[in-house]
Amino acid sequence: MRSKKYNTIASSCLILFFVCWILLSTYGKYNYTVGDFTPADVKLTVGLDILQMTLLFMSLVFGLIAYALQDEEGYAGINIIISLALFVLTGMSDILTIYILFTEPVHLQMLFK
């Protein structure tokens, strides 16, 4: 019965991940060298990106916990597979973005103005 609770938490995190994904595609602005937007827009984008990756990681962790508790319904495996696939699809661009933000001081200066 406890595994059902963890499956519900993992599924909720995946749903919130997709909500963040929609918000990022709507409001996300990474290329701030071109355009007329403020550092607040970039902060919003980075914040949503970090929230998105946190939700995806939580979904994976709770899916693994549910799988370890011998889930008979099979939803834990589905949550784990979806989380890992989304890590591969979205994680590469996030790692690149974070690398660029923290290795080039010009980008950090704009964030903290």
PDB file of N, CA and C in Angstrom:
ATOM      1  N   MET A   1       0.817  -1.200   0.000  1.00  0.00           N
ATOM      2  CA  MET A   1       0.000   0.000   0.000  1.00  0.00           C
ATOM      3  C   MET A   1       0.865   1.269   0.000  1.00  0.00           C
ATOM      4  N   ARG A   2       2.037   1.179   0.643  1.00  0.00           N
ATOM      5  CA  ARG A   2       2.905   2.356   0.677  1.00  0.00           C
ATOM      6  C   ARG A   2       3.449   2.682  -0.702  1.00  0.00           C
ATOM      7  N   SER A   3       3.627   1.653  -1.532  1.00  0.00           N
ATOM      8  CA  SER A   3       4.171   1.912  -2.865  1.00  0.00           C
ATOM      9  C   SER A   3       3.196   2.724  -3.711  1.00  0.00           C
ATOM     10  N   LYS A   4       1.899   2.583  -3.439  1.00  0.00           N
ATOM     11  CA  LYS A   4       0.910   3.372  -4.179  1.00  0.00           C
ATOM     12  C   LYS A   4       1.069   4.861  -3.860  1.00  0.00           C
ATOM     13  N   LYS A   5       1.382   5.158  -2.602  1.00  0.00           N
ATOM     14  CA  LYS A   5       1.603   6.551  -2.204  1.00  0.00           C
ATOM     15  C   LYS A   5       2.811   7.131  -2.942  1.00  0.00           C
ATOM     16  N   TYR A   6       3.892   6.355  -3.027  1.00  0.00           N
ATOM     17  CA  TYR A   6       5.085   6.836  -3.710  1.00  0.00           C
ATOM     18  C   TYR A   6       4.868   6.940  -5.217  1.00  0.00           C
ATOM     19  N   ASN A   7       4.067   6.040  -5.770  1.00  0.00           N
ATOM     20  CA  ASN A   7       3.726   6.153  -7.191  1.00  0.00           C
ATOM     21  C   ASN A   7       2.935   7.423  -7.465  1.00  0.00           C
ATOM     22  N   THR A   8       2.023   7.759  -6.558  1.00  0.00           N
ATOM     23  CA  THR A   8       1.229   8.975  -6.720  1.00  0.00           C
ATOM     24  C   THR A   8       2.121  10.215  -6.660  1.00  0.00           C
ATOM     25  N   ILE A   9       3.075  10.222  -5.736  1.00  0.00           N
ATOM     26  CA  ILE A   9       3.994  11.361  -5.637  1.00  0.00           C
ATOM     27  C   ILE A   9       4.845  11.464  -6.903  1.00  0.00           C
ATOM     28  N   ALA A  10       5.341  10.321  -7.393  1.00  0.00           N
ATOM     29  CA  ALA A  10       6.168  10.327  -8.609  1.00  0.00           C
ATOM     30  C   ALA A  10       5.364  10.806  -9.813  1.00  0.00           C
ATOM     31  N   SER A  11       4.127  10.354  -9.932  1.00  0.00           N
ATOM     32  CA  SER A  11       3.284  10.789 -11.051  1.00  0.00           C
ATOM     33  C   SER A  11       2.953  12.275 -10.948  1.00  0.00           C
ATOM     34  N   SER A  12       2.720  12.758  -9.728  1.00  0.00           N
ATOM     35  CA  SER A  12       2.446  14.185  -9.537  1.00  0.00           C
ATOM     36  C   SER A  12       3.655  15.032  -9.927  1.00  0.00           C
ATOM     37  N   CYS A  13       4.847  14.552  -9.587  1.00  0.00           N
ATOM     38  CA  CYS A  13       6.062  15.277  -9.977  1.00  0.00           C
ATOM     39  C   CYS A  13       6.211  15.311 -11.493  1.00  0.00           C
ATOM     40  N   LEU A  14       5.853  14.215 -12.161  1.00  0.00           N
ATOM     41  CA  LEU A  14       5.926  14.208 -13.628  1.00  0.00           C
ATOM     42  C   LEU A  14       4.930  15.185 -14.240  1.00  0.00           C
ATOM     43  N   ILE A  15       3.739  15.263 -13.668  1.00  0.00           N
ATOM     44  CA  ILE A  15       2.739  16.205 -14.179  1.00  0.00           C
ATOM     45  C   ILE A  15       3.230  17.644 -13.991  1.00  0.00           C
ATOM     46  N   LEU A  16       3.784  17.946 -12.808  1.00  0.00           N
ATOM     47  CA  LEU A  16       4.321  19.282 -12.575  1.00  0.00           C
ATOM     48  C   LEU A  16       5.525  19.568 -13.467  1.00  0.00           C
ATOM     49  N   PHE A  17       6.300  18.533 -13.790  1.00  0.00           N
ATOM     50  CA  PHE A  17       7.411  18.691 -14.728  1.00  0.00           C
ATOM     51  C   PHE A  17       6.896  19.161 -16.084  1.00  0.00           C
ATOM     52  N   PHE A  18       5.812  18.556 -16.566  1.00  0.00           N
ATOM     53  CA  PHE A  18       5.270  18.960 -17.860  1.00  0.00           C
ATOM     54  C   PHE A  18       4.683  20.369 -17.807  1.00  0.00           C
ATOM     55  N   VAL A  19       4.125  20.762 -16.665  1.00  0.00           N
ATOM     56  CA  VAL A  19       3.644  22.137 -16.514  1.00  0.00           C
ATOM     57  C   VAL A  19       4.825  23.113 -16.609  1.00  0.00           C
ATOM     58  N   CYS A  20       5.935  22.780 -15.941  1.00  0.00           N
ATOM     59  CA  CYS A  20       7.137  23.629 -16.037  1.00  0.00           C
ATOM     60  C   CYS A  20       7.682  23.655 -17.451  1.00  0.00           C
ATOM     61  N   TRP A  21       7.585  22.542 -18.147  1.00  0.00           N
ATOM     62  CA  TRP A  21       8.063  22.474 -19.527  1.00  0.00           C
ATOM     63  C   TRP A  21       7.256  23.422 -20.415  1.00  0.00           C
ATOM     64  N   ILE A  22       5.941  23.434 -20.222  1.00  0.00           N
ATOM     65  CA  ILE A  22       5.080  24.337 -20.990  1.00  0.00           C
ATOM     66  C   ILE A  22       5.408  25.793 -20.652  1.00  0.00           C
ATOM     67  N   LEU A  23       5.596  26.082 -19.361  1.00  0.00           N
ATOM     68  CA  LEU A  23       5.954  27.448 -18.967  1.00  0.00           C
ATOM     69  C   LEU A  23       7.303  27.865 -19.544  1.00  0.00           C
ATOM     70  N   LEU A  24       8.262  26.945 -19.572  1.00  0.00           N
ATOM     71  CA  LEU A  24       9.569  27.268 -20.149  1.00  0.00           C
ATOM     72  C   LEU A  24       9.479  27.518 -21.644  1.00  0.00           C
ATOM     73  N   SER A  25       8.670  26.728 -22.330  1.00  0.00           N
ATOM     74  CA  SER A  25       8.555  26.945 -23.773  1.00  0.00           C
ATOM     75  C   SER A  25       7.802  28.233 -24.078  1.00  0.00           C
ATOM     76  N   THR A  26       6.953  28.673 -23.155  1.00  0.00           N
ATOM     77  CA  THR A  26       6.205  29.908 -23.356  1.00  0.00           C
ATOM     78  C   THR A  26       7.017  31.141 -22.957  1.00  0.00           C
ATOM     79  N   TYR A  27       7.641  31.073 -21.779  1.00  0.00           N
ATOM     80  CA  TYR A  27       8.301  32.254 -21.224  1.00  0.00           C
ATOM     81  C   TYR A  27       9.819  32.166 -21.189  1.00  0.00           C
ATOM     82  N   GLY A  28      10.388  31.052 -21.574  1.00  0.00           N
ATOM     83  CA  GLY A  28      11.828  30.866 -21.459  1.00  0.00           C
ATOM     84  C   GLY A  28      12.618  31.681 -22.461  1.00  0.00           C
ATOM     85  N   LYS A  29      13.624  32.402 -21.965  1.00  0.00           N
ATOM     86  CA  LYS A  29      14.488  33.216 -22.824  1.00  0.00           C
ATOM     87  C   LYS A  29      15.924  32.985 -22.391  1.00  0.00           C
ATOM     88  N   TYR A  30      16.638  32.198 -23.176  1.00  0.00           N
ATOM     89  CA  TYR A  30      18.034  31.926 -22.846  1.00  0.00           C
ATOM     90  C   TYR A  30      18.987  32.819 -23.619  1.00  0.00           C
ATOM     91  N   ASN A  31      18.648  33.113 -24.855  1.00  0.00           N
ATOM     92  CA  ASN A  31      19.566  33.886 -25.688  1.00  0.00           C
ATOM     93  C   ASN A  31      19.342  35.368 -25.422  1.00  0.00           C
ATOM     94  N   TYR A  32      19.873  35.849 -24.304  1.00  0.00           N
ATOM     95  CA  TYR A  32      19.608  37.225 -23.920  1.00  0.00           C
ATOM     96  C   TYR A  32      20.573  38.217 -24.540  1.00  0.00           C
ATOM     97  N   THR A  33      21.431  37.764 -25.447  1.00  0.00           N
ATOM     98  CA  THR A  33      22.251  38.723 -26.185  1.00  0.00           C
ATOM     99  C   THR A  33      21.452  39.344 -27.320  1.00  0.00           C
ATOM    100  N   VAL A  34      20.380  38.690 -27.709  1.00  0.00           N
ATOM    101  CA  VAL A  34      19.506  39.199 -28.764  1.00  0.00           C
ATOM    102  C   VAL A  34      18.126  39.382 -28.150  1.00  0.00           C
ATOM    103  N   GLY A  35      17.546  40.549 -28.302  1.00  0.00           N
ATOM    104  CA  GLY A  35      16.201  40.758 -27.789  1.00  0.00           C
ATOM    105  C   GLY A  35      16.149  41.903 -26.804  1.00  0.00           C
ATOM    106  N   ASP A  36      14.937  42.222 -26.419  1.00  0.00           N
ATOM    107  CA  ASP A  36      14.730  43.355 -25.522  1.00  0.00           C
ATOM    108  C   ASP A  36      14.066  42.889 -24.229  1.00  0.00           C
ATOM    109  N   PHE A  37      14.714  42.029 -23.510  1.00  0.00           N
ATOM    110  CA  PHE A  37      14.167  41.611 -22.237  1.00  0.00           C
ATOM    111  C   PHE A  37      15.192  41.822 -21.140  1.00  0.00           C
ATOM    112  N   THR A  38      14.730  41.742 -19.912  1.00  0.00           N
ATOM    113  CA  THR A  38      15.531  42.137 -18.754  1.00  0.00           C
ATOM    114  C   THR A  38      16.185  40.922 -18.101  1.00  0.00           C
ATOM    115  N   PRO A  39      17.113  41.154 -17.177  1.00  0.00           N
ATOM    116  CA  PRO A  39      17.682  40.036 -16.426  1.00  0.00           C
ATOM    117  C   PRO A  39      16.640  39.277 -15.605  1.00  0.00           C
ATOM    118  N   ALA A  40      15.522  39.930 -15.274  1.00  0.00           N
ATOM    119  CA  ALA A  40      14.464  39.230 -14.546  1.00  0.00           C
ATOM    120  C   ALA A  40      13.891  38.093 -15.387  1.00  0.00           C
ATOM    121  N   ASP A  41      13.802  38.292 -16.696  1.00  0.00           N
ATOM    122  CA  ASP A  41      13.335  37.216 -17.572  1.00  0.00           C
ATOM    123  C   ASP A  41      14.292  36.036 -17.554  1.00  0.00           C
ATOM    124  N   VAL A  42      15.578  36.336 -17.528  1.00  0.00           N
ATOM    125  CA  VAL A  42      16.577  35.270 -17.486  1.00  0.00           C
ATOM    126  C   VAL A  42      16.516  34.554 -16.143  1.00  0.00           C
ATOM    127  N   LYS A  43      16.326  35.306 -15.049  1.00  0.00           N
ATOM    128  CA  LYS A  43      16.201  34.691 -13.726  1.00  0.00           C
ATOM    129  C   LYS A  43      14.985  33.777 -13.671  1.00  0.00           C
ATOM    130  N   LEU A  44      13.876  34.205 -14.266  1.00  0.00           N
ATOM    131  CA  LEU A  44      12.679  33.371 -14.312  1.00  0.00           C
ATOM    132  C   LEU A  44      12.948  32.091 -15.083  1.00  0.00           C
ATOM    133  N   THR A  45      13.648  32.204 -16.185  1.00  0.00           N
ATOM    134  CA  THR A  45      13.955  31.036 -17.000  1.00  0.00           C
ATOM    135  C   THR A  45      14.851  30.058 -16.250  1.00  0.00           C
ATOM    136  N   VAL A  46      15.886  30.574 -15.615  1.00  0.00           N
ATOM    137  CA  VAL A  46      16.798  29.703 -14.870  1.00  0.00           C
ATOM    138  C   VAL A  46      16.075  29.078 -13.679  1.00  0.00           C
ATOM    139  N   GLY A  47      15.235  29.842 -12.998  1.00  0.00           N
ATOM    140  CA  GLY A  47      14.467  29.299 -11.874  1.00  0.00           C
ATOM    141  C   GLY A  47      13.517  28.194 -12.299  1.00  0.00           C
ATOM    142  N   LEU A  48      12.807  28.405 -13.400  1.00  0.00           N
ATOM    143  CA  LEU A  48      11.915  27.359 -13.913  1.00  0.00           C
ATOM    144  C   LEU A  48      12.691  26.127 -14.345  1.00  0.00           C
ATOM    145  N   ASP A  49      13.856  26.350 -14.902  1.00  0.00           N
ATOM    146  CA  ASP A  49      14.688  25.235 -15.346  1.00  0.00           C
ATOM    147  C   ASP A  49      15.160  24.396 -14.166  1.00  0.00           C
ATOM    148  N   ILE A  50      15.590  25.052 -13.102  1.00  0.00           N
ATOM    149  CA  ILE A  50      16.028  24.327 -11.910  1.00  0.00           C
ATOM    150  C   ILE A  50      14.851  23.604 -11.265  1.00  0.00           C
ATOM    151  N   LEU A  51      13.686  24.247 -11.214  1.00  0.00           N
ATOM    152  CA  LEU A  51      12.490  23.596 -10.674  1.00  0.00           C
ATOM    153  C   LEU A  51      12.109  22.376 -11.502  1.00  0.00           C
ATOM    154  N   GLN A  52      12.210  22.495 -12.799  1.00  0.00           N
ATOM    155  CA  GLN A  52      11.881  21.389 -13.697  1.00  0.00           C
ATOM    156  C   GLN A  52      12.797  20.193 -13.445  1.00  0.00           C
ATOM    157  N   MET A  53      14.087  20.430 -13.331  1.00  0.00           N
ATOM    158  CA  MET A  53      15.024  19.328 -13.090  1.00  0.00           C
ATOM    159  C   MET A  53      14.847  18.732 -11.697  1.00  0.00           C
ATOM    160  N   THR A  54      14.495  19.565 -10.708  1.00  0.00           N
ATOM    161  CA  THR A  54      14.242  19.050  -9.363  1.00  0.00           C
ATOM    162  C   THR A  54      13.022  18.140  -9.354  1.00  0.00           C
ATOM    163  N   LEU A  55      11.966  18.545 -10.037  1.00  0.00           N
ATOM    164  CA  LEU A  55      10.765  17.709 -10.111  1.00  0.00           C
ATOM    165  C   LEU A  55      11.042  16.394 -10.823  1.00  0.00           C
ATOM    166  N   LEU A  56      11.843  16.448 -11.859  1.00  0.00           N
ATOM    167  CA  LEU A  56      12.181  15.224 -12.582  1.00  0.00           C
ATOM    168  C   LEU A  56      13.013  14.286 -11.712  1.00  0.00           C
ATOM    169  N   PHE A  57      13.946  14.841 -10.956  1.00  0.00           N
ATOM    170  CA  PHE A  57      14.752  14.020 -10.053  1.00  0.00           C
ATOM    171  C   PHE A  57      13.886  13.415  -8.949  1.00  0.00           C
ATOM    172  N   MET A  58      12.954  14.200  -8.400  1.00  0.00           N
ATOM    173  CA  MET A  58      12.051  13.680  -7.371  1.00  0.00           C
ATOM    174  C   MET A  58      11.183  12.565  -7.921  1.00  0.00           C
ATOM    175  N   SER A  59      10.727  12.705  -9.147  1.00  0.00           N
ATOM    176  CA  SER A  59       9.927  11.658  -9.768  1.00  0.00           C
ATOM    177  C   SER A  59      10.722  10.366  -9.890  1.00  0.00           C
ATOM    178  N   LEU A  60      11.976  10.484 -10.277  1.00  0.00           N
ATOM    179  CA  LEU A  60      12.829   9.301 -10.391  1.00  0.00           C
ATOM    180  C   LEU A  60      13.060   8.655  -9.029  1.00  0.00           C
ATOM    181  N   VAL A  61      13.341   9.458  -8.013  1.00  0.00           N
ATOM    182  CA  VAL A  61      13.613   8.915  -6.679  1.00  0.00           C
ATOM    183  C   VAL A  61      12.377   8.227  -6.108  1.00  0.00           C
ATOM    184  N   PHE A  62      11.214   8.869  -6.192  1.00  0.00           N
ATOM    185  CA  PHE A  62      10.009   8.248  -5.652  1.00  0.00           C
ATOM    186  C   PHE A  62       9.583   7.039  -6.475  1.00  0.00           C
ATOM    187  N   GLY A  63       9.861   7.044  -7.760  1.00  0.00           N
ATOM    188  CA  GLY A  63       9.602   5.853  -8.572  1.00  0.00           C
ATOM    189  C   GLY A  63      10.483   4.692  -8.159  1.00  0.00           C
ATOM    190  N   LEU A  64      11.753   4.978  -7.865  1.00  0.00           N
ATOM    191  CA  LEU A  64      12.660   3.923  -7.396  1.00  0.00           C
ATOM    192  C   LEU A  64      12.250   3.398  -6.022  1.00  0.00           C
ATOM    193  N   ILE A  65      11.784   4.288  -5.147  1.00  0.00           N
ATOM    194  CA  ILE A  65      11.308   3.844  -3.832  1.00  0.00           C
ATOM    195  C   ILE A  65      10.089   2.942  -3.993  1.00  0.00           C
ATOM    196  N   ALA A  66       9.154   3.334  -4.850  1.00  0.00           N
ATOM    197  CA  ALA A  66       7.961   2.514  -5.072  1.00  0.00           C
ATOM    198  C   ALA A  66       8.330   1.170  -5.684  1.00  0.00           C
ATOM    199  N   TYR A  67       9.310   1.169  -6.566  1.00  0.00           N
ATOM    200  CA  TYR A  67       9.755  -0.084  -7.180  1.00  0.00           C
ATOM    201  C   TYR A  67      10.420  -0.993  -6.152  1.00  0.00           C
ATOM    202  N   ALA A  68      11.163  -0.392  -5.225  1.00  0.00           N
ATOM    203  CA  ALA A  68      11.827  -1.179  -4.182  1.00  0.00           C
ATOM    204  C   ALA A  68      10.831  -1.780  -3.196  1.00  0.00           C
ATOM    205  N   LEU A  69       9.674  -1.155  -3.048  1.00  0.00           N
ATOM    206  CA  LEU A  69       8.656  -1.667  -2.128  1.00  0.00           C
ATOM    207  C   LEU A  69       7.748  -2.701  -2.788  1.00  0.00           C
ATOM    208  N   GLN A  70       8.186  -3.283  -3.890  1.00  0.00           N
ATOM    209  CA  GLN A  70       7.471  -4.360  -4.587  1.00  0.00           C
ATOM    210  C   GLN A  70       6.084  -3.925  -5.050  1.00  0.00           C
ATOM    211  N   ASP A  71       6.081  -3.012  -5.964  1.00  0.00           N
ATOM    212  CA  ASP A  71       4.829  -2.546  -6.550  1.00  0.00           C
ATOM    213  C   ASP A  71       4.299  -3.601  -7.511  1.00  0.00           C
ATOM    214  N   GLU A  72       3.088  -4.075  -7.273  1.00  0.00           N
ATOM    215  CA  GLU A  72       2.507  -5.099  -8.131  1.00  0.00           C
ATOM    216  C   GLU A  72       1.799  -4.526  -9.356  1.00  0.00           C
ATOM    217  N   GLU A  73       1.466  -3.248  -9.328  1.00  0.00           N
ATOM    218  CA  GLU A  73       0.685  -2.667 -10.417  1.00  0.00           C
ATOM    219  C   GLU A  73       1.524  -2.311 -11.631  1.00  0.00           C
ATOM    220  N   GLY A  74       2.807  -2.138 -11.487  1.00  0.00           N
ATOM    221  CA  GLY A  74       3.671  -1.862 -12.617  1.00  0.00           C
ATOM    222  C   GLY A  74       3.850  -0.399 -12.952  1.00  0.00           C
ATOM    223  N   TYR A  75       3.228   0.485 -12.190  1.00  0.00           N
ATOM    224  CA  TYR A  75       3.352   1.910 -12.494  1.00  0.00           C
ATOM    225  C   TYR A  75       4.713   2.471 -12.112  1.00  0.00           C
ATOM    226  N   ALA A  76       5.370   1.864 -11.154  1.00  0.00           N
ATOM    227  CA  ALA A  76       6.684   2.364 -10.737  1.00  0.00           C
ATOM    228  C   ALA A  76       7.685   2.239 -11.878  1.00  0.00           C
ATOM    229  N   GLY A  77       7.657   1.137 -12.586  1.00  0.00           N
ATOM    230  CA  GLY A  77       8.562   0.959 -13.720  1.00  0.00           C
ATOM    231  C   GLY A  77       8.304   1.966 -14.817  1.00  0.00           C
ATOM    232  N   ILE A  78       7.034   2.273 -15.041  1.00  0.00           N
ATOM    233  CA  ILE A  78       6.682   3.265 -16.061  1.00  0.00           C
ATOM    234  C   ILE A  78       7.191   4.645 -15.652  1.00  0.00           C
ATOM    235  N   ASN A  79       7.022   5.002 -14.373  1.00  0.00           N
ATOM    236  CA  ASN A  79       7.532   6.294 -13.889  1.00  0.00           C
ATOM    237  C   ASN A  79       9.042   6.378 -14.025  1.00  0.00           C
ATOM    238  N   ILE A  80       9.741   5.286 -13.726  1.00  0.00           N
ATOM    239  CA  ILE A  80      11.201   5.281 -13.822  1.00  0.00           C
ATOM    240  C   ILE A  80      11.639   5.443 -15.275  1.00  0.00           C
ATOM    241  N   ILE A  81      11.006   4.715 -16.183  1.00  0.00           N
ATOM    242  CA  ILE A  81      11.377   4.792 -17.601  1.00  0.00           C
ATOM    243  C   ILE A  81      11.108   6.182 -18.170  1.00  0.00           C
ATOM    244  N   ILE A  82       9.947   6.758 -17.834  1.00  0.00           N
ATOM    245  CA  ILE A  82       9.622   8.101 -18.327  1.00  0.00           C
ATOM    246  C   ILE A  82      10.605   9.127 -17.762  1.00  0.00           C
ATOM    247  N   SER A  83      10.932   9.013 -16.474  1.00  0.00           N
ATOM    248  CA  SER A  83      11.876   9.957 -15.864  1.00  0.00           C
ATOM    249  C   SER A  83      13.249   9.867 -16.511  1.00  0.00           C
ATOM    250  N   LEU A  84      13.725   8.652 -16.745  1.00  0.00           N
ATOM    251  CA  LEU A  84      15.042   8.498 -17.371  1.00  0.00           C
ATOM    252  C   LEU A  84      15.047   9.019 -18.807  1.00  0.00           C
ATOM    253  N   ALA A  85      13.961   8.769 -19.541  1.00  0.00           N
ATOM    254  CA  ALA A  85      13.885   9.271 -20.916  1.00  0.00           C
ATOM    255  C   ALA A  85      13.868  10.799 -20.940  1.00  0.00           C
ATOM    256  N   LEU A  86      13.137  11.405 -20.015  1.00  0.00           N
ATOM    257  CA  LEU A  86      13.099  12.863 -19.961  1.00  0.00           C
ATOM    258  C   LEU A  86      14.429  13.446 -19.498  1.00  0.00           C
ATOM    259  N   PHE A  87      15.154  12.727 -18.631  1.00  0.00           N
ATOM    260  CA  PHE A  87      16.497  13.168 -18.270  1.00  0.00           C
ATOM    261  C   PHE A  87      17.387  13.238 -19.495  1.00  0.00           C
ATOM    262  N   VAL A  88      17.301  12.238 -20.340  1.00  0.00           N
ATOM    263  CA  VAL A  88      18.131  12.225 -21.547  1.00  0.00           C
ATOM    264  C   VAL A  88      17.707  13.337 -22.499  1.00  0.00           C
ATOM    265  N   LEU A  89      16.397  13.535 -22.667  1.00  0.00           N
ATOM    266  CA  LEU A  89      15.908  14.522 -23.631  1.00  0.00           C
ATOM    267  C   LEU A  89      16.118  15.963 -23.180  1.00  0.00           C
ATOM    268  N   THR A  90      15.911  16.234 -21.906  1.00  0.00           N
ATOM    269  CA  THR A  90      15.983  17.626 -21.443  1.00  0.00           C
ATOM    270  C   THR A  90      17.237  17.934 -20.650  1.00  0.00           C
ATOM    271  N   GLY A  91      17.860  16.936 -20.086  1.00  0.00           N
ATOM    272  CA  GLY A  91      19.000  17.177 -19.212  1.00  0.00           C
ATOM    273  C   GLY A  91      20.224  17.695 -19.925  1.00  0.00           C
ATOM    274  N   MET A  92      20.420  17.304 -21.173  1.00  0.00           N
ATOM    275  CA  MET A  92      21.619  17.742 -21.887  1.00  0.00           C
ATOM    276  C   MET A  92      21.628  19.255 -22.088  1.00  0.00           C
ATOM    277  N   SER A  93      20.496  19.823 -22.456  1.00  0.00           N
ATOM    278  CA  SER A  93      20.453  21.276 -22.649  1.00  0.00           C
ATOM    279  C   SER A  93      20.566  22.004 -21.317  1.00  0.00           C
ATOM    280  N   ASP A  94      20.018  21.420 -20.247  1.00  0.00           N
ATOM    281  CA  ASP A  94      20.127  22.052 -18.935  1.00  0.00           C
ATOM    282  C   ASP A  94      21.561  22.068 -18.439  1.00  0.00           C
ATOM    283  N   ILE A  95      22.266  20.974 -18.626  1.00  0.00           N
ATOM    284  CA  ILE A  95      23.668  20.919 -18.205  1.00  0.00           C
ATOM    285  C   ILE A  95      24.490  21.936 -18.987  1.00  0.00           C
ATOM    286  N   LEU A  96      24.229  22.050 -20.279  1.00  0.00           N
ATOM    287  CA  LEU A  96      24.952  23.019 -21.101  1.00  0.00           C
ATOM    288  C   LEU A  96      24.647  24.448 -20.661  1.00  0.00           C
ATOM    289  N   THR A  97      23.387  24.734 -20.377  1.00  0.00           N
ATOM    290  CA  THR A  97      23.000  26.078 -19.940  1.00  0.00           C
ATOM    291  C   THR A  97      23.657  26.436 -18.616  1.00  0.00           C
ATOM    292  N   ILE A  98      23.629  25.528 -17.654  1.00  0.00           N
ATOM    293  CA  ILE A  98      24.240  25.794 -16.353  1.00  0.00           C
ATOM    294  C   ILE A  98      25.751  25.959 -16.503  1.00  0.00           C
ATOM    295  N   TYR A  99      26.353  25.156 -17.368  1.00  0.00           N
ATOM    296  CA  TYR A  99      27.801  25.279 -17.612  1.00  0.00           C
ATOM    297  C   TYR A  99      28.143  26.660 -18.171  1.00  0.00           C
ATOM    298  N   ILE A 100      27.363  27.119 -19.133  1.00  0.00           N
ATOM    299  CA  ILE A 100      27.617  28.436 -19.729  1.00  0.00           C
ATOM    300  C   ILE A 100      27.406  29.543 -18.703  1.00  0.00           C
ATOM    301  N   LEU A 101      26.355  29.430 -17.888  1.00  0.00           N
ATOM    302  CA  LEU A 101      26.074  30.476 -16.907  1.00  0.00           C
ATOM    303  C   LEU A 101      27.178  30.608 -15.865  1.00  0.00           C
ATOM    304  N   PHE A 102      27.747  29.495 -15.446  1.00  0.00           N
ATOM    305  CA  PHE A 102      28.708  29.552 -14.352  1.00  0.00           C
ATOM    306  C   PHE A 102      30.165  29.604 -14.791  1.00  0.00           C
ATOM    307  N   THR A 103      30.452  29.385 -16.054  1.00  0.00           N
ATOM    308  CA  THR A 103      31.848  29.452 -16.481  1.00  0.00           C
ATOM    309  C   THR A 103      32.200  30.764 -17.152  1.00  0.00           C
ATOM    310  N   GLU A 104      31.218  31.510 -17.579  1.00  0.00           N
ATOM    311  CA  GLU A 104      31.490  32.796 -18.210  1.00  0.00           C
ATOM    312  C   GLU A 104      30.949  33.906 -17.310  1.00  0.00           C
ATOM    313  N   PRO A 105      31.816  34.687 -16.693  1.00  0.00           N
ATOM    314  CA  PRO A 105      31.380  35.695 -15.716  1.00  0.00           C
ATOM    315  C   PRO A 105      30.446  36.757 -16.289  1.00  0.00           C
ATOM    316  N   VAL A 106      30.482  36.975 -17.586  1.00  0.00           N
ATOM    317  CA  VAL A 106      29.611  37.984 -18.188  1.00  0.00           C
ATOM    318  C   VAL A 106      28.146  37.615 -17.968  1.00  0.00           C
ATOM    319  N   HIS A 107      27.830  36.347 -18.065  1.00  0.00           N
ATOM    320  CA  HIS A 107      26.451  35.900 -17.884  1.00  0.00           C
ATOM    321  C   HIS A 107      26.007  36.068 -16.430  1.00  0.00           C
ATOM    322  N   LEU A 108      26.894  35.780 -15.494  1.00  0.00           N
ATOM    323  CA  LEU A 108      26.538  35.935 -14.087  1.00  0.00           C
ATOM    324  C   LEU A 108      26.341  37.394 -13.714  1.00  0.00           C
ATOM    325  N   GLN A 109      27.119  38.297 -14.305  1.00  0.00           N
ATOM    326  CA  GLN A 109      26.956  39.715 -14.007  1.00  0.00           C
ATOM    327  C   GLN A 109      25.573  40.192 -14.412  1.00  0.00           C
ATOM    328  N   MET A 110      25.062  39.694 -15.515  1.00  0.00           N
ATOM    329  CA  MET A 110      23.738  40.114 -15.961  1.00  0.00           C
ATOM    330  C   MET A 110      22.648  39.579 -15.036  1.00  0.00           C
ATOM    331  N   LEU A 111      22.844  38.385 -14.488  1.00  0.00           N
ATOM    332  CA  LEU A 111      21.832  37.811 -13.605  1.00  0.00           C
ATOM    333  C   LEU A 111      21.713  38.564 -12.290  1.00  0.00           C
ATOM    334  N   PHE A 112      22.808  39.111 -11.798  1.00  0.00           N
ATOM    335  CA  PHE A 112      22.796  39.720 -10.472  1.00  0.00           C
ATOM    336  C   PHE A 112      22.832  41.238 -10.498  1.00  0.00           C
ATOM    337  N   LYS A 113      22.372  41.847 -11.577  1.00  0.00           N
ATOM    338  CA  LYS A 113      22.291  43.312 -11.646  1.00  0.00           C
ATOM    339  C   LYS A 113      21.135  43.804 -10.822  1.00  0.00           C
TER     340      LYS A 113
END
